[in-house]
N, C-alpha and C. Protein backbone atom coordinates (compact mmCIF):
# COMPACT_ATOMS: atom_id res chain seq x y z
N MET A 1 1.73 3.57 9.18
CA MET A 1 0.58 3.18 9.95
C MET A 1 0.49 3.97 11.24
N GLN A 2 1.08 5.13 11.32
CA GLN A 2 1.05 5.90 12.55
C GLN A 2 -0.37 6.23 12.98
N GLY A 3 -1.24 6.43 12.02
CA GLY A 3 -2.61 6.76 12.35
C GLY A 3 -3.36 5.62 13.00
N PHE A 4 -2.83 4.40 12.90
CA PHE A 4 -3.51 3.24 13.45
C PHE A 4 -2.83 2.70 14.70
N ASP A 5 -1.90 3.46 15.28
CA ASP A 5 -1.18 3.01 16.46
C ASP A 5 -2.11 2.71 17.63
N HIS A 6 -3.22 3.42 17.72
CA HIS A 6 -4.13 3.24 18.85
C HIS A 6 -4.97 1.98 18.74
N LEU A 7 -4.98 1.35 17.56
CA LEU A 7 -5.74 0.12 17.38
C LEU A 7 -4.98 -1.05 17.97
N GLY A 8 -5.69 -2.07 18.35
CA GLY A 8 -5.05 -3.26 18.87
C GLY A 8 -4.41 -4.09 17.77
N ALA A 9 -3.70 -5.10 18.17
CA ALA A 9 -3.00 -5.97 17.23
C ALA A 9 -3.97 -6.65 16.26
N GLN A 10 -5.14 -7.03 16.73
CA GLN A 10 -6.10 -7.69 15.85
C GLN A 10 -6.58 -6.75 14.75
N ALA A 11 -6.81 -5.49 15.09
CA ALA A 11 -7.25 -4.52 14.09
C ALA A 11 -6.14 -4.25 13.08
N GLN A 12 -4.89 -4.20 13.55
CA GLN A 12 -3.78 -3.99 12.63
C GLN A 12 -3.63 -5.18 11.69
N ARG A 13 -3.84 -6.38 12.20
CA ARG A 13 -3.78 -7.58 11.35
C ARG A 13 -4.90 -7.55 10.32
N LEU A 14 -6.08 -7.10 10.73
CA LEU A 14 -7.20 -6.99 9.80
C LEU A 14 -6.85 -6.02 8.67
N LEU A 15 -6.29 -4.86 9.03
CA LEU A 15 -5.90 -3.89 8.01
C LEU A 15 -4.84 -4.46 7.08
N ASP A 16 -3.90 -5.22 7.63
CA ASP A 16 -2.87 -5.87 6.82
C ASP A 16 -3.49 -6.86 5.85
N ASN A 17 -4.45 -7.65 6.32
CA ASN A 17 -5.11 -8.63 5.45
C ASN A 17 -5.92 -7.94 4.35
N VAL A 18 -6.59 -6.85 4.68
CA VAL A 18 -7.34 -6.10 3.68
C VAL A 18 -6.39 -5.55 2.61
N GLY A 19 -5.28 -4.97 3.06
CA GLY A 19 -4.29 -4.44 2.12
C GLY A 19 -3.72 -5.52 1.22
N ALA A 20 -3.42 -6.68 1.81
CA ALA A 20 -2.89 -7.80 1.02
C ALA A 20 -3.92 -8.26 -0.01
N GLY A 21 -5.20 -8.27 0.38
CA GLY A 21 -6.26 -8.65 -0.55
C GLY A 21 -6.40 -7.67 -1.70
N ILE A 22 -6.28 -6.39 -1.40
CA ILE A 22 -6.35 -5.37 -2.45
C ILE A 22 -5.20 -5.53 -3.43
N ILE A 23 -4.00 -5.76 -2.91
CA ILE A 23 -2.84 -5.93 -3.78
C ILE A 23 -3.00 -7.16 -4.66
N LYS A 24 -3.48 -8.27 -4.09
CA LYS A 24 -3.69 -9.49 -4.89
C LYS A 24 -4.73 -9.23 -5.96
N PHE A 25 -5.80 -8.54 -5.64
CA PHE A 25 -6.84 -8.21 -6.61
C PHE A 25 -6.27 -7.38 -7.76
N LEU A 26 -5.47 -6.36 -7.42
CA LEU A 26 -4.88 -5.52 -8.47
C LEU A 26 -3.92 -6.32 -9.34
N GLN A 27 -3.18 -7.24 -8.75
CA GLN A 27 -2.27 -8.09 -9.53
C GLN A 27 -3.06 -9.01 -10.45
N ASP A 28 -4.09 -9.65 -9.94
CA ASP A 28 -4.86 -10.62 -10.72
C ASP A 28 -5.72 -9.97 -11.79
N GLU A 29 -6.40 -8.90 -11.43
CA GLU A 29 -7.38 -8.30 -12.35
C GLU A 29 -6.79 -7.26 -13.30
N PHE A 30 -5.79 -6.52 -12.84
CA PHE A 30 -5.28 -5.41 -13.62
C PHE A 30 -3.81 -5.56 -13.99
N ARG A 31 -3.20 -6.65 -13.58
CA ARG A 31 -1.79 -6.94 -13.89
C ARG A 31 -0.85 -5.82 -13.43
N VAL A 32 -1.16 -5.23 -12.28
CA VAL A 32 -0.29 -4.22 -11.69
C VAL A 32 0.89 -4.97 -11.07
N SER A 33 2.11 -4.50 -11.35
CA SER A 33 3.28 -5.17 -10.80
C SER A 33 3.75 -4.46 -9.54
N PHE A 34 4.27 -5.24 -8.62
CA PHE A 34 4.75 -4.72 -7.36
C PHE A 34 6.17 -5.19 -7.11
N PRO A 35 7.15 -4.31 -7.32
CA PRO A 35 8.55 -4.68 -7.08
C PRO A 35 8.81 -4.95 -5.59
N ASP A 36 9.95 -5.53 -5.31
CA ASP A 36 10.31 -5.81 -3.91
C ASP A 36 10.62 -4.53 -3.13
N ASP A 37 11.01 -3.49 -3.83
CA ASP A 37 11.33 -2.21 -3.19
C ASP A 37 10.03 -1.49 -2.81
N PRO A 38 9.77 -1.27 -1.51
CA PRO A 38 8.52 -0.65 -1.08
C PRO A 38 8.24 0.71 -1.73
N SER A 39 9.27 1.54 -1.91
CA SER A 39 9.01 2.85 -2.50
C SER A 39 8.56 2.72 -3.96
N LYS A 40 9.09 1.75 -4.69
CA LYS A 40 8.64 1.53 -6.07
C LYS A 40 7.23 0.96 -6.11
N THR A 41 6.91 0.15 -5.12
CA THR A 41 5.55 -0.39 -5.04
C THR A 41 4.55 0.74 -4.81
N ILE A 42 4.87 1.65 -3.91
CA ILE A 42 3.99 2.80 -3.65
C ILE A 42 3.85 3.64 -4.91
N ASP A 43 4.95 3.86 -5.63
CA ASP A 43 4.90 4.62 -6.89
C ASP A 43 4.00 3.92 -7.91
N ASN A 44 4.10 2.59 -8.01
CA ASN A 44 3.25 1.85 -8.95
C ASN A 44 1.77 1.98 -8.58
N LEU A 45 1.47 1.87 -7.29
CA LEU A 45 0.09 2.04 -6.85
C LEU A 45 -0.43 3.44 -7.16
N ALA A 46 0.38 4.44 -6.85
CA ALA A 46 -0.03 5.82 -7.11
C ALA A 46 -0.27 6.05 -8.60
N SER A 47 0.61 5.53 -9.44
CA SER A 47 0.45 5.68 -10.89
C SER A 47 -0.81 4.98 -11.37
N PHE A 48 -1.06 3.78 -10.85
CA PHE A 48 -2.26 3.04 -11.24
C PHE A 48 -3.52 3.82 -10.90
N PHE A 49 -3.62 4.31 -9.66
CA PHE A 49 -4.82 5.02 -9.26
C PHE A 49 -5.00 6.32 -10.03
N ALA A 50 -3.92 7.05 -10.29
CA ALA A 50 -4.02 8.29 -11.05
C ALA A 50 -4.38 8.01 -12.52
N ALA A 51 -3.76 7.01 -13.11
CA ALA A 51 -4.02 6.68 -14.52
C ALA A 51 -5.45 6.23 -14.74
N ASN A 52 -6.04 5.60 -13.75
CA ASN A 52 -7.41 5.11 -13.86
C ASN A 52 -8.43 6.07 -13.26
N GLU A 53 -8.00 7.32 -13.04
CA GLU A 53 -8.85 8.39 -12.53
C GLU A 53 -9.53 8.04 -11.21
N LEU A 54 -8.83 7.26 -10.39
CA LEU A 54 -9.32 6.95 -9.05
C LEU A 54 -8.76 7.92 -8.03
N ALA A 55 -7.82 8.74 -8.46
CA ALA A 55 -7.23 9.78 -7.62
C ALA A 55 -6.65 10.84 -8.54
N ASP A 56 -6.68 12.09 -8.10
CA ASP A 56 -6.08 13.16 -8.88
C ASP A 56 -4.56 13.09 -8.79
N GLU A 57 -4.08 12.93 -7.58
CA GLU A 57 -2.64 12.88 -7.35
C GLU A 57 -2.39 12.19 -6.01
N ILE A 58 -1.36 11.38 -5.98
CA ILE A 58 -0.97 10.73 -4.74
C ILE A 58 0.51 11.01 -4.53
N THR A 59 0.85 11.55 -3.38
CA THR A 59 2.24 11.74 -3.03
C THR A 59 2.52 10.88 -1.80
N SER A 60 3.71 10.33 -1.76
CA SER A 60 4.06 9.48 -0.63
C SER A 60 5.38 9.90 -0.04
N GLN A 61 5.56 9.55 1.18
CA GLN A 61 6.80 9.85 1.89
C GLN A 61 7.16 8.63 2.70
N MET A 62 8.33 8.08 2.45
CA MET A 62 8.79 6.89 3.17
C MET A 62 9.84 7.31 4.20
N SER A 63 9.74 6.71 5.36
CA SER A 63 10.73 6.95 6.39
C SER A 63 12.01 6.20 6.04
N PRO A 64 13.16 6.83 6.22
CA PRO A 64 14.42 6.14 5.93
C PRO A 64 14.78 5.11 7.01
N SER A 65 14.04 5.10 8.11
CA SER A 65 14.34 4.20 9.23
C SER A 65 13.84 2.80 8.93
N ASP A 66 14.58 1.81 9.39
CA ASP A 66 14.15 0.42 9.30
C ASP A 66 13.19 0.15 10.43
N VAL A 67 12.20 -0.66 10.13
CA VAL A 67 11.21 -1.04 11.15
C VAL A 67 11.47 -2.50 11.50
N SER A 68 11.55 -2.77 12.79
CA SER A 68 11.71 -4.16 13.22
C SER A 68 10.74 -4.44 14.36
N ALA A 69 10.34 -5.66 14.43
CA ALA A 69 9.40 -6.04 15.49
C ALA A 69 9.96 -7.24 16.24
């Protein structure tokens, strides 16, 4: 979320809620599974979008650092 650092906390919460809604929709409507491991979840999303021709290719990069608030 580095690109959204300049947004306030309310905007970041809104983005989080939108993302959670998208994930719930994909689980309910398309039976996409999301493992507890974030990198596997990103891989599942990328595969889903590519397989359904919603994207040509998605590459992701996860930071090895833990995030705490």
